[in-house]
């Protein structure tokens, strides 16, 4: 599945990185501690987090992520949006908890543990 299909299926709001919506999703990762995400998030994943500052884009580029999903109604600031657009990293917004979206995505077969 690509990021655009994820956006459509879960009615996610696209805050940045529209030109990266064709990225393929290879898995998922939930976490808010940047050092943990840098060390453990799989390449090509969607990253669910409440962090919304500019450093999330650098982590997403480092791990070659498909997209960042800000959960809990968090929104990126303009610097973060600008950096994500520059790097082509989609930033998506989800109003509910990361747990809720992760469960729904897993149940829908978008990401799995294999």
PDB file of N, CA and C in Angstrom:
ATOM      1  N   UNK A   1       0.845  -1.178   0.000  1.00  0.00           N
ATOM      2  CA  UNK A   1       0.000   0.000   0.000  1.00  0.00           C
ATOM      3  C   UNK A   1       0.889   1.239   0.000  1.00  0.00           C
ATOM      4  N   UNK A   2       0.425   2.272  -0.674  1.00  0.00           N
ATOM      5  CA  UNK A   2       1.187   3.518  -0.638  1.00  0.00           C
ATOM      6  C   UNK A   2       0.543   4.500   0.355  1.00  0.00           C
ATOM      7  N   UNK A   3       1.235   5.582   0.629  1.00  0.00           N
ATOM      8  CA  UNK A   3       0.791   6.558   1.619  1.00  0.00           C
ATOM      9  C   UNK A   3      -0.554   7.166   1.224  1.00  0.00           C
ATOM     10  N   UNK A   4      -0.765   7.429  -0.044  1.00  0.00           N
ATOM     11  CA  UNK A   4      -2.031   8.009  -0.502  1.00  0.00           C
ATOM     12  C   UNK A   4      -3.207   7.099  -0.151  1.00  0.00           C
ATOM     13  N   UNK A   5      -3.032   5.810  -0.318  1.00  0.00           N
ATOM     14  CA  UNK A   5      -4.097   4.859   0.030  1.00  0.00           C
ATOM     15  C   UNK A   5      -4.373   4.880   1.541  1.00  0.00           C
ATOM     16  N   UNK A   6      -3.318   5.015   2.339  1.00  0.00           N
ATOM     17  CA  UNK A   6      -3.476   5.125   3.782  1.00  0.00           C
ATOM     18  C   UNK A   6      -4.271   6.383   4.132  1.00  0.00           C
ATOM     19  N   UNK A   7      -3.899   7.493   3.503  1.00  0.00           N
ATOM     20  CA  UNK A   7      -4.608   8.762   3.722  1.00  0.00           C
ATOM     21  C   UNK A   7      -6.085   8.602   3.408  1.00  0.00           C
ATOM     22  N   UNK A   8      -6.384   8.005   2.274  1.00  0.00           N
ATOM     23  CA  UNK A   8      -7.771   7.835   1.854  1.00  0.00           C
ATOM     24  C   UNK A   8      -8.542   6.892   2.783  1.00  0.00           C
ATOM     25  N   UNK A   9      -7.924   5.786   3.153  1.00  0.00           N
ATOM     26  CA  UNK A   9      -8.622   4.780   3.958  1.00  0.00           C
ATOM     27  C   UNK A   9      -8.955   5.289   5.359  1.00  0.00           C
ATOM     28  N   UNK A  10      -8.065   6.108   5.936  1.00  0.00           N
ATOM     29  CA  UNK A  10      -8.268   6.559   7.311  1.00  0.00           C
ATOM     30  C   UNK A  10      -8.603   8.045   7.423  1.00  0.00           C
ATOM     31  N   UNK A  11      -8.876   8.680   6.312  1.00  0.00           N
ATOM     32  CA  UNK A  11      -9.228  10.107   6.287  1.00  0.00           C
ATOM     33  C   UNK A  11      -8.212  10.961   7.044  1.00  0.00           C
ATOM     34  N   UNK A  12      -6.935  10.703   6.777  1.00  0.00           N
ATOM     35  CA  UNK A  12      -5.863  11.473   7.408  1.00  0.00           C
ATOM     36  C   UNK A  12      -5.726  12.817   6.712  1.00  0.00           C
ATOM     37  N   UNK A  13      -5.343  13.828   7.451  1.00  0.00           N
ATOM     38  CA  UNK A  13      -5.069  15.139   6.877  1.00  0.00           C
ATOM     39  C   UNK A  13      -3.595  15.206   6.497  1.00  0.00           C
ATOM     40  N   UNK A  14      -3.312  15.692   5.312  1.00  0.00           N
ATOM     41  CA  UNK A  14      -1.937  15.832   4.843  1.00  0.00           C
ATOM     42  C   UNK A  14      -1.473  17.251   5.166  1.00  0.00           C
ATOM     43  N   UNK A  15      -0.477  17.353   6.055  1.00  0.00           N
ATOM     44  CA  UNK A  15       0.046  18.660   6.460  1.00  0.00           C
ATOM     45  C   UNK A  15       1.234  19.074   5.610  1.00  0.00           C
ATOM     46  N   UNK A  16       1.948  18.098   5.049  1.00  0.00           N
ATOM     47  CA  UNK A  16       3.157  18.395   4.272  1.00  0.00           C
ATOM     48  C   UNK A  16       3.539  17.177   3.443  1.00  0.00           C
ATOM     49  N   UNK A  17       4.431  17.409   2.495  1.00  0.00           N
ATOM     50  CA  UNK A  17       5.012  16.317   1.722  1.00  0.00           C
ATOM     51  C   UNK A  17       4.082  15.660   0.722  1.00  0.00           C
ATOM     52  N   UNK A  18       3.179  16.432   0.142  1.00  0.00           N
ATOM     53  CA  UNK A  18       2.225  15.867  -0.819  1.00  0.00           C
ATOM     54  C   UNK A  18       2.917  15.142  -1.973  1.00  0.00           C
ATOM     55  N   UNK A  19       4.116  15.568  -2.327  1.00  0.00           N
ATOM     56  CA  UNK A  19       4.803  14.911  -3.447  1.00  0.00           C
ATOM     57  C   UNK A  19       5.397  13.562  -3.054  1.00  0.00           C
ATOM     58  N   UNK A  20       5.259  13.149  -1.800  1.00  0.00           N
ATOM     59  CA  UNK A  20       5.742  11.844  -1.375  1.00  0.00           C
ATOM     60  C   UNK A  20       4.637  10.848  -1.099  1.00  0.00           C
ATOM     61  N   UNK A  21       3.412  11.169  -1.504  1.00  0.00           N
ATOM     62  CA  UNK A  21       2.282  10.295  -1.198  1.00  0.00           C
ATOM     63  C   UNK A  21       2.319   8.968  -1.946  1.00  0.00           C
ATOM     64  N   UNK A  22       3.200   8.842  -2.924  1.00  0.00           N
ATOM     65  CA  UNK A  22       3.319   7.579  -3.650  1.00  0.00           C
ATOM     66  C   UNK A  22       4.309   6.621  -2.999  1.00  0.00           C
ATOM     67  N   UNK A  23       4.907   6.996  -1.878  1.00  0.00           N
ATOM     68  CA  UNK A  23       5.864   6.119  -1.183  1.00  0.00           C
ATOM     69  C   UNK A  23       5.152   4.857  -0.711  1.00  0.00           C
ATOM     70  N   UNK A  24       5.831   3.744  -0.835  1.00  0.00           N
ATOM     71  CA  UNK A  24       5.276   2.468  -0.403  1.00  0.00           C
ATOM     72  C   UNK A  24       5.507   2.259   1.092  1.00  0.00           C
ATOM     73  N   UNK A  25       4.485   1.763   1.769  1.00  0.00           N
ATOM     74  CA  UNK A  25       4.560   1.487   3.207  1.00  0.00           C
ATOM     75  C   UNK A  25       5.060   0.065   3.406  1.00  0.00           C
ATOM     76  N   UNK A  26       6.155  -0.057   4.163  1.00  0.00           N
ATOM     77  CA  UNK A  26       6.759  -1.363   4.412  1.00  0.00           C
ATOM     78  C   UNK A  26       6.516  -1.872   5.831  1.00  0.00           C
ATOM     79  N   UNK A  27       5.925  -1.049   6.672  1.00  0.00           N
ATOM     80  CA  UNK A  27       5.686  -1.432   8.064  1.00  0.00           C
ATOM     81  C   UNK A  27       5.275  -0.214   8.852  1.00  0.00           C
ATOM     82  N   UNK A  28       5.321  -0.356  10.164  1.00  0.00           N
ATOM     83  CA  UNK A  28       4.940   0.751  11.021  1.00  0.00           C
ATOM     84  C   UNK A  28       5.785   0.786  12.269  1.00  0.00           C
ATOM     85  N   UNK A  29       5.832   1.950  12.908  1.00  0.00           N
ATOM     86  CA  UNK A  29       6.559   2.110  14.164  1.00  0.00           C
ATOM     87  C   UNK A  29       5.885   3.198  14.983  1.00  0.00           C
ATOM     88  N   UNK A  30       5.700   2.942  16.269  1.00  0.00           N
ATOM     89  CA  UNK A  30       5.159   3.928  17.196  1.00  0.00           C
ATOM     90  C   UNK A  30       6.246   4.286  18.196  1.00  0.00           C
ATOM     91  N   UNK A  31       6.477   5.565  18.373  1.00  0.00           N
ATOM     92  CA  UNK A  31       7.456   5.977  19.366  1.00  0.00           C
ATOM     93  C   UNK A  31       7.648   7.477  19.361  1.00  0.00           C
ATOM     94  N   UNK A  32       8.038   7.979  20.533  1.00  0.00           N
ATOM     95  CA  UNK A  32       8.235   9.416  20.687  1.00  0.00           C
ATOM     96  C   UNK A  32       9.655   9.776  21.100  1.00  0.00           C
ATOM     97  N   UNK A  33      10.463   8.803  21.440  1.00  0.00           N
ATOM     98  CA  UNK A  33      11.851   9.042  21.806  1.00  0.00           C
ATOM     99  C   UNK A  33      12.699   8.933  20.534  1.00  0.00           C
ATOM    100  N   UNK A  34      13.207  10.066  20.069  1.00  0.00           N
ATOM    101  CA  UNK A  34      13.873  10.105  18.769  1.00  0.00           C
ATOM    102  C   UNK A  34      15.025   9.117  18.664  1.00  0.00           C
ATOM    103  N   UNK A  35      15.816   8.947  19.712  1.00  0.00           N
ATOM    104  CA  UNK A  35      16.945   8.018  19.642  1.00  0.00           C
ATOM    105  C   UNK A  35      16.469   6.581  19.463  1.00  0.00           C
ATOM    106  N   UNK A  36      15.345   6.232  20.084  1.00  0.00           N
ATOM    107  CA  UNK A  36      14.778   4.898  19.906  1.00  0.00           C
ATOM    108  C   UNK A  36      14.297   4.710  18.473  1.00  0.00           C
ATOM    109  N   UNK A  37      13.619   5.700  17.948  1.00  0.00           N
ATOM    110  CA  UNK A  37      13.110   5.624  16.577  1.00  0.00           C
ATOM    111  C   UNK A  37      14.274   5.517  15.591  1.00  0.00           C
ATOM    112  N   UNK A  38      15.318   6.316  15.789  1.00  0.00           N
ATOM    113  CA  UNK A  38      16.489   6.266  14.898  1.00  0.00           C
ATOM    114  C   UNK A  38      17.134   4.888  14.905  1.00  0.00           C
ATOM    115  N   UNK A  39      17.139   4.234  16.039  1.00  0.00           N
ATOM    116  CA  UNK A  39      17.784   2.937  16.148  1.00  0.00           C
ATOM    117  C   UNK A  39      16.924   1.754  15.785  1.00  0.00           C
ATOM    118  N   UNK A  40      15.611   1.920  15.793  1.00  0.00           N
ATOM    119  CA  UNK A  40      14.743   0.746  15.668  1.00  0.00           C
ATOM    120  C   UNK A  40      13.647   0.802  14.610  1.00  0.00           C
ATOM    121  N   UNK A  41      13.299   1.964  14.121  1.00  0.00           N
ATOM    122  CA  UNK A  41      12.221   2.031  13.124  1.00  0.00           C
ATOM    123  C   UNK A  41      12.677   1.381  11.815  1.00  0.00           C
ATOM    124  N   UNK A  42      11.844   0.540  11.224  1.00  0.00           N
ATOM    125  CA  UNK A  42      12.231  -0.106   9.971  1.00  0.00           C
ATOM    126  C   UNK A  42      12.197   0.862   8.786  1.00  0.00           C
ATOM    127  N   UNK A  43      13.061   0.610   7.842  1.00  0.00           N
ATOM    128  CA  UNK A  43      13.081   1.378   6.596  1.00  0.00           C
ATOM    129  C   UNK A  43      11.701   1.258   5.936  1.00  0.00           C
ATOM    130  N   UNK A  44      11.203   2.359   5.415  1.00  0.00           N
ATOM    131  CA  UNK A  44       9.933   2.341   4.687  1.00  0.00           C
ATOM    132  C   UNK A  44       8.688   2.321   5.546  1.00  0.00           C
ATOM    133  N   UNK A  45       8.840   2.584   6.848  1.00  0.00           N
ATOM    134  CA  UNK A  45       7.685   2.510   7.736  1.00  0.00           C
ATOM    135  C   UNK A  45       6.887   3.810   7.751  1.00  0.00           C
ATOM    136  N   UNK A  46       5.689   3.722   8.304  1.00  0.00           N
ATOM    137  CA  UNK A  46       4.975   4.913   8.740  1.00  0.00           C
ATOM    138  C   UNK A  46       5.290   5.027  10.231  1.00  0.00           C
ATOM    139  N   UNK A  47       5.571   6.244  10.668  1.00  0.00           N
ATOM    140  CA  UNK A  47       5.962   6.484  12.059  1.00  0.00           C
ATOM    141  C   UNK A  47       4.850   7.255  12.745  1.00  0.00           C
ATOM    142  N   UNK A  48       4.274   6.676  13.772  1.00  0.00           N
ATOM    143  CA  UNK A  48       3.233   7.316  14.556  1.00  0.00           C
ATOM    144  C   UNK A  48       3.868   7.939  15.789  1.00  0.00           C
ATOM    145  N   UNK A  49       3.661   9.248  15.974  1.00  0.00           N
ATOM    146  CA  UNK A  49       4.294   9.971  17.064  1.00  0.00           C
ATOM    147  C   UNK A  49       3.464  11.188  17.459  1.00  0.00           C
ATOM    148  N   UNK A  50       3.753  11.726  18.642  1.00  0.00           N
ATOM    149  CA  UNK A  50       3.178  13.001  19.050  1.00  0.00           C
ATOM    150  C   UNK A  50       4.181  14.129  18.856  1.00  0.00           C
ATOM    151  N   UNK A  51       5.412  13.798  18.535  1.00  0.00           N
ATOM    152  CA  UNK A  51       6.435  14.823  18.291  1.00  0.00           C
ATOM    153  C   UNK A  51       6.070  15.584  17.015  1.00  0.00           C
ATOM    154  N   UNK A  52       6.254  16.893  17.044  1.00  0.00           N
ATOM    155  CA  UNK A  52       5.863  17.669  15.865  1.00  0.00           C
ATOM    156  C   UNK A  52       6.899  18.716  15.465  1.00  0.00           C
ATOM    157  N   UNK A  53       8.074  18.660  16.058  1.00  0.00           N
ATOM    158  CA  UNK A  53       9.118  19.641  15.756  1.00  0.00           C
ATOM    159  C   UNK A  53       9.950  19.210  14.553  1.00  0.00           C
ATOM    160  N   UNK A  54      10.797  20.074  14.095  1.00  0.00           N
ATOM    161  CA  UNK A  54      11.549  19.880  12.859  1.00  0.00           C
ATOM    162  C   UNK A  54      12.442  18.625  12.867  1.00  0.00           C
ATOM    163  N   UNK A  55      12.908  18.194  14.026  1.00  0.00           N
ATOM    164  CA  UNK A  55      13.803  17.033  14.085  1.00  0.00           C
ATOM    165  C   UNK A  55      13.150  15.740  13.614  1.00  0.00           C
ATOM    166  N   UNK A  56      11.821  15.686  13.625  1.00  0.00           N
ATOM    167  CA  UNK A  56      11.169  14.453  13.161  1.00  0.00           C
ATOM    168  C   UNK A  56      11.438  14.215  11.678  1.00  0.00           C
ATOM    169  N   UNK A  57      11.578  15.280  10.928  1.00  0.00           N
ATOM    170  CA  UNK A  57      11.850  15.140   9.494  1.00  0.00           C
ATOM    171  C   UNK A  57      13.241  14.555   9.284  1.00  0.00           C
ATOM    172  N   UNK A  58      14.210  15.003  10.046  1.00  0.00           N
ATOM    173  CA  UNK A  58      15.569  14.463   9.932  1.00  0.00           C
ATOM    174  C   UNK A  58      15.593  12.973  10.249  1.00  0.00           C
ATOM    175  N   UNK A  59      14.856  12.571  11.273  1.00  0.00           N
ATOM    176  CA  UNK A  59      14.785  11.151  11.625  1.00  0.00           C
ATOM    177  C   UNK A  59      14.116  10.363  10.503  1.00  0.00           C
ATOM    178  N   UNK A  60      13.050  10.905   9.943  1.00  0.00           N
ATOM    179  CA  UNK A  60      12.345  10.217   8.848  1.00  0.00           C
ATOM    180  C   UNK A  60      13.241  10.058   7.622  1.00  0.00           C
ATOM    181  N   UNK A  61      14.034  11.063   7.319  1.00  0.00           N
ATOM    182  CA  UNK A  61      14.968  10.970   6.190  1.00  0.00           C
ATOM    183  C   UNK A  61      16.028   9.914   6.482  1.00  0.00           C
ATOM    184  N   UNK A  62      16.573   9.934   7.694  1.00  0.00           N
ATOM    185  CA  UNK A  62      17.606   8.970   8.094  1.00  0.00           C
ATOM    186  C   UNK A  62      17.118   7.534   7.952  1.00  0.00           C
ATOM    187  N   UNK A  63      15.881   7.274   8.355  1.00  0.00           N
ATOM    188  CA  UNK A  63      15.317   5.917   8.324  1.00  0.00           C
ATOM    189  C   UNK A  63      14.548   5.637   7.031  1.00  0.00           C
ATOM    190  N   UNK A  64      14.595   6.569   6.066  1.00  0.00           N
ATOM    191  CA  UNK A  64      13.913   6.390   4.779  1.00  0.00           C
ATOM    192  C   UNK A  64      12.445   5.988   4.968  1.00  0.00           C
ATOM    193  N   UNK A  65      11.759   6.730   5.826  1.00  0.00           N
ATOM    194  CA  UNK A  65      10.368   6.420   6.158  1.00  0.00           C
ATOM    195  C   UNK A  65       9.419   6.787   5.025  1.00  0.00           C
ATOM    196  N   UNK A  66       8.302   6.091   5.002  1.00  0.00           N
ATOM    197  CA  UNK A  66       7.259   6.397   4.022  1.00  0.00           C
ATOM    198  C   UNK A  66       6.504   7.660   4.425  1.00  0.00           C
ATOM    199  N   UNK A  67       6.270   7.844   5.730  1.00  0.00           N
ATOM    200  CA  UNK A  67       5.516   9.009   6.206  1.00  0.00           C
ATOM    201  C   UNK A  67       5.612   9.105   7.716  1.00  0.00           C
ATOM    202  N   UNK A  68       5.323  10.294   8.206  1.00  0.00           N
ATOM    203  CA  UNK A  68       5.183  10.551   9.642  1.00  0.00           C
ATOM    204  C   UNK A  68       3.702  10.812   9.892  1.00  0.00           C
ATOM    205  N   UNK A  69       3.153  10.179  10.921  1.00  0.00           N
ATOM    206  CA  UNK A  69       1.762  10.421  11.305  1.00  0.00           C
ATOM    207  C   UNK A  69       1.766  11.032  12.699  1.00  0.00           C
ATOM    208  N   UNK A  70       1.314  12.275  12.794  1.00  0.00           N
ATOM    209  CA  UNK A  70       1.184  12.936  14.086  1.00  0.00           C
ATOM    210  C   UNK A  70      -0.170  12.557  14.667  1.00  0.00           C
ATOM    211  N   UNK A  71      -0.143  11.935  15.833  1.00  0.00           N
ATOM    212  CA  UNK A  71      -1.388  11.481  16.453  1.00  0.00           C
ATOM    213  C   UNK A  71      -1.819  12.436  17.561  1.00  0.00           C
ATOM    214  N   UNK A  72      -3.011  12.209  18.074  1.00  0.00           N
ATOM    215  CA  UNK A  72      -3.518  12.981  19.194  1.00  0.00           C
ATOM    216  C   UNK A  72      -3.846  14.424  18.883  1.00  0.00           C
ATOM    217  N   UNK A  73      -4.053  14.729  17.618  1.00  0.00           N
ATOM    218  CA  UNK A  73      -4.391  16.090  17.239  1.00  0.00           C
ATOM    219  C   UNK A  73      -3.211  17.043  17.164  1.00  0.00           C
ATOM    220  N   UNK A  74      -2.000  16.529  17.292  1.00  0.00           N
ATOM    221  CA  UNK A  74      -0.810  17.384  17.191  1.00  0.00           C
ATOM    222  C   UNK A  74      -0.624  17.870  15.760  1.00  0.00           C
ATOM    223  N   UNK A  75      -0.090  19.076  15.622  1.00  0.00           N
ATOM    224  CA  UNK A  75       0.131  19.681  14.314  1.00  0.00           C
ATOM    225  C   UNK A  75       1.569  20.178  14.211  1.00  0.00           C
ATOM    226  N   UNK A  76       2.159  20.075  13.036  1.00  0.00           N
ATOM    227  CA  UNK A  76       3.532  20.557  12.873  1.00  0.00           C
ATOM    228  C   UNK A  76       3.575  22.080  12.760  1.00  0.00           C
ATOM    229  N   UNK A  77       4.697  22.665  13.199  1.00  0.00           N
ATOM    230  CA  UNK A  77       4.877  24.102  12.997  1.00  0.00           C
ATOM    231  C   UNK A  77       5.327  24.351  11.554  1.00  0.00           C
ATOM    232  N   UNK A  78       5.379  25.609  11.160  1.00  0.00           N
ATOM    233  CA  UNK A  78       5.684  25.947   9.765  1.00  0.00           C
ATOM    234  C   UNK A  78       7.083  25.500   9.354  1.00  0.00           C
ATOM    235  N   UNK A  79       8.063  25.590  10.247  1.00  0.00           N
ATOM    236  CA  UNK A  79       9.426  25.136   9.909  1.00  0.00           C
ATOM    237  C   UNK A  79       9.442  23.645   9.600  1.00  0.00           C
ATOM    238  N   UNK A  80       8.674  22.888  10.361  1.00  0.00           N
ATOM    239  CA  UNK A  80       8.596  21.445  10.140  1.00  0.00           C
ATOM    240  C   UNK A  80       7.928  21.143   8.805  1.00  0.00           C
ATOM    241  N   UNK A  81       6.855  21.847   8.510  1.00  0.00           N
ATOM    242  CA  UNK A  81       6.161  21.687   7.228  1.00  0.00           C
ATOM    243  C   UNK A  81       7.116  22.014   6.077  1.00  0.00           C
ATOM    244  N   UNK A  82       7.820  23.122   6.194  1.00  0.00           N
ATOM    245  CA  UNK A  82       8.745  23.526   5.133  1.00  0.00           C
ATOM    246  C   UNK A  82       9.829  22.480   4.912  1.00  0.00           C
ATOM    247  N   UNK A  83      10.391  21.947   6.001  1.00  0.00           N
ATOM    248  CA  UNK A  83      11.453  20.939   5.890  1.00  0.00           C
ATOM    249  C   UNK A  83      10.906  19.642   5.293  1.00  0.00           C
ATOM    250  N   UNK A  84       9.720  19.244   5.699  1.00  0.00           N
ATOM    251  CA  UNK A  84       9.110  18.028   5.149  1.00  0.00           C
ATOM    252  C   UNK A  84       8.841  18.184   3.657  1.00  0.00           C
ATOM    253  N   UNK A  85       8.354  19.347   3.250  1.00  0.00           N
ATOM    254  CA  UNK A  85       8.132  19.587   1.827  1.00  0.00           C
ATOM    255  C   UNK A  85       9.443  19.536   1.052  1.00  0.00           C
ATOM    256  N   UNK A  86      10.483  20.114   1.618  1.00  0.00           N
ATOM    257  CA  UNK A  86      11.796  20.106   0.977  1.00  0.00           C
ATOM    258  C   UNK A  86      12.333  18.684   0.803  1.00  0.00           C
ATOM    259  N   UNK A  87      12.106  17.842   1.808  1.00  0.00           N
ATOM    260  CA  UNK A  87      12.613  16.466   1.785  1.00  0.00           C
ATOM    261  C   UNK A  87      11.641  15.470   1.140  1.00  0.00           C
ATOM    262  N   UNK A  88      10.415  15.898   0.871  1.00  0.00           N
ATOM    263  CA  UNK A  88       9.425  14.999   0.271  1.00  0.00           C
ATOM    264  C   UNK A  88       8.892  13.960   1.237  1.00  0.00           C
ATOM    265  N   UNK A  89       8.897  14.287   2.525  1.00  0.00           N
ATOM    266  CA  UNK A  89       8.386  13.369   3.553  1.00  0.00           C
ATOM    267  C   UNK A  89       6.961  13.779   3.917  1.00  0.00           C
ATOM    268  N   UNK A  90       5.971  12.922   3.653  1.00  0.00           N
ATOM    269  CA  UNK A  90       4.609  13.262   4.049  1.00  0.00           C
ATOM    270  C   UNK A  90       4.467  13.334   5.573  1.00  0.00           C
ATOM    271  N   UNK A  91       3.814  14.376   6.035  1.00  0.00           N
ATOM    272  CA  UNK A  91       3.391  14.464   7.430  1.00  0.00           C
ATOM    273  C   UNK A  91       1.875  14.437   7.414  1.00  0.00           C
ATOM    274  N   UNK A  92       1.331  13.443   8.100  1.00  0.00           N
ATOM    275  CA  UNK A  92      -0.102  13.222   8.144  1.00  0.00           C
ATOM    276  C   UNK A  92      -0.589  13.480   9.564  1.00  0.00           C
ATOM    277  N   UNK A  93      -1.838  13.846   9.699  1.00  0.00           N
ATOM    278  CA  UNK A  93      -2.384  14.124  11.024  1.00  0.00           C
ATOM    279  C   UNK A  93      -3.583  13.226  11.307  1.00  0.00           C
ATOM    280  N   UNK A  94      -3.580  12.671  12.510  1.00  0.00           N
ATOM    281  CA  UNK A  94      -4.618  11.765  12.986  1.00  0.00           C
ATOM    282  C   UNK A  94      -5.138  12.319  14.316  1.00  0.00           C
ATOM    283  N   UNK A  95      -6.439  12.503  14.461  1.00  0.00           N
ATOM    284  CA  UNK A  95      -6.952  13.167  15.668  1.00  0.00           C
ATOM    285  C   UNK A  95      -6.947  12.300  16.927  1.00  0.00           C
ATOM    286  N   UNK A  96      -6.922  11.008  16.784  1.00  0.00           N
ATOM    287  CA  UNK A  96      -7.014  10.100  17.923  1.00  0.00           C
ATOM    288  C   UNK A  96      -5.634   9.573  18.323  1.00  0.00           C
ATOM    289  N   UNK A  97      -5.604   8.570  19.154  1.00  0.00           N
ATOM    290  CA  UNK A  97      -4.340   8.047  19.669  1.00  0.00           C
ATOM    291  C   UNK A  97      -3.591   7.217  18.625  1.00  0.00           C
ATOM    292  N   UNK A  98      -2.274   7.147  18.800  1.00  0.00           N
ATOM    293  CA  UNK A  98      -1.451   6.294  17.951  1.00  0.00           C
ATOM    294  C   UNK A  98      -1.878   4.840  18.110  1.00  0.00           C
ATOM    295  N   UNK A  99      -2.234   4.451  19.310  1.00  0.00           N
ATOM    296  CA  UNK A  99      -2.688   3.091  19.583  1.00  0.00           C
ATOM    297  C   UNK A  99      -3.894   2.738  18.719  1.00  0.00           C
ATOM    298  N   UNK A 100      -4.830   3.660  18.630  1.00  0.00           N
ATOM    299  CA  UNK A 100      -6.041   3.444  17.843  1.00  0.00           C
ATOM    300  C   UNK A 100      -5.711   3.259  16.361  1.00  0.00           C
ATOM    301  N   UNK A 101      -4.898   4.151  15.813  1.00  0.00           N
ATOM    302  CA  UNK A 101      -4.555   4.031  14.394  1.00  0.00           C
ATOM    303  C   UNK A 101      -3.721   2.780  14.123  1.00  0.00           C
ATOM    304  N   UNK A 102      -2.778   2.485  15.005  1.00  0.00           N
ATOM    305  CA  UNK A 102      -1.954   1.286  14.813  1.00  0.00           C
ATOM    306  C   UNK A 102      -2.818   0.029  14.796  1.00  0.00           C
ATOM    307  N   UNK A 103      -3.771  -0.031  15.694  1.00  0.00           N
ATOM    308  CA  UNK A 103      -4.663  -1.191  15.733  1.00  0.00           C
ATOM    309  C   UNK A 103      -5.519  -1.304  14.487  1.00  0.00           C
ATOM    310  N   UNK A 104      -6.057  -0.173  14.054  1.00  0.00           N
ATOM    311  CA  UNK A 104      -6.886  -0.186  12.848  1.00  0.00           C
ATOM    312  C   UNK A 104      -6.053  -0.552  11.609  1.00  0.00           C
ATOM    313  N   UNK A 105      -4.844  -0.016  11.521  1.00  0.00           N
ATOM    314  CA  UNK A 105      -3.981  -0.305  10.373  1.00  0.00           C
ATOM    315  C   UNK A 105      -3.576  -1.768  10.361  1.00  0.00           C
ATOM    316  N   UNK A 106      -3.276  -2.314  11.530  1.00  0.00           N
ATOM    317  CA  UNK A 106      -2.904  -3.722  11.617  1.00  0.00           C
ATOM    318  C   UNK A 106      -4.090  -4.600  11.211  1.00  0.00           C
ATOM    319  N   UNK A 107      -5.271  -4.288  11.754  1.00  0.00           N
ATOM    320  CA  UNK A 107      -6.470  -5.063  11.450  1.00  0.00           C
ATOM    321  C   UNK A 107      -6.790  -5.022   9.955  1.00  0.00           C
ATOM    322  N   UNK A 108      -6.547  -3.877   9.322  1.00  0.00           N
ATOM    323  CA  UNK A 108      -6.817  -3.726   7.891  1.00  0.00           C
ATOM    324  C   UNK A 108      -5.736  -4.378   7.023  1.00  0.00           C
ATOM    325  N   UNK A 109      -4.679  -4.873   7.652  1.00  0.00           N
ATOM    326  CA  UNK A 109      -3.617  -5.534   6.893  1.00  0.00           C
ATOM    327  C   UNK A 109      -2.639  -4.576   6.239  1.00  0.00           C
ATOM    328  N   UNK A 110      -2.660  -3.315   6.637  1.00  0.00           N
ATOM    329  CA  UNK A 110      -1.755  -2.332   6.059  1.00  0.00           C
ATOM    330  C   UNK A 110      -0.343  -2.568   6.516  1.00  0.00           C
ATOM    331  N   UNK A 111      -0.202  -2.836   7.791  1.00  0.00           N
ATOM    332  CA  UNK A 111       1.106  -3.186   8.347  1.00  0.00           C
ATOM    333  C   UNK A 111       0.921  -4.454   9.145  1.00  0.00           C
ATOM    334  N   UNK A 112       1.960  -5.247   9.185  1.00  0.00           N
ATOM    335  CA  UNK A 112       1.875  -6.468   9.982  1.00  0.00           C
ATOM    336  C   UNK A 112       3.222  -6.763  10.619  1.00  0.00           C
ATOM    337  N   UNK A 113       3.263  -7.776  11.415  1.00  0.00           N
ATOM    338  CA  UNK A 113       4.475  -8.075  12.183  1.00  0.00           C
ATOM    339  C   UNK A 113       5.458  -8.948  11.431  1.00  0.00           C
ATOM    340  N   UNK A 114       5.153  -9.351  10.228  1.00  0.00           N
ATOM    341  CA  UNK A 114       6.085 -10.225   9.511  1.00  0.00           C
ATOM    342  C   UNK A 114       7.134  -9.459   8.745  1.00  0.00           C
TER     343      UNK A 114
END
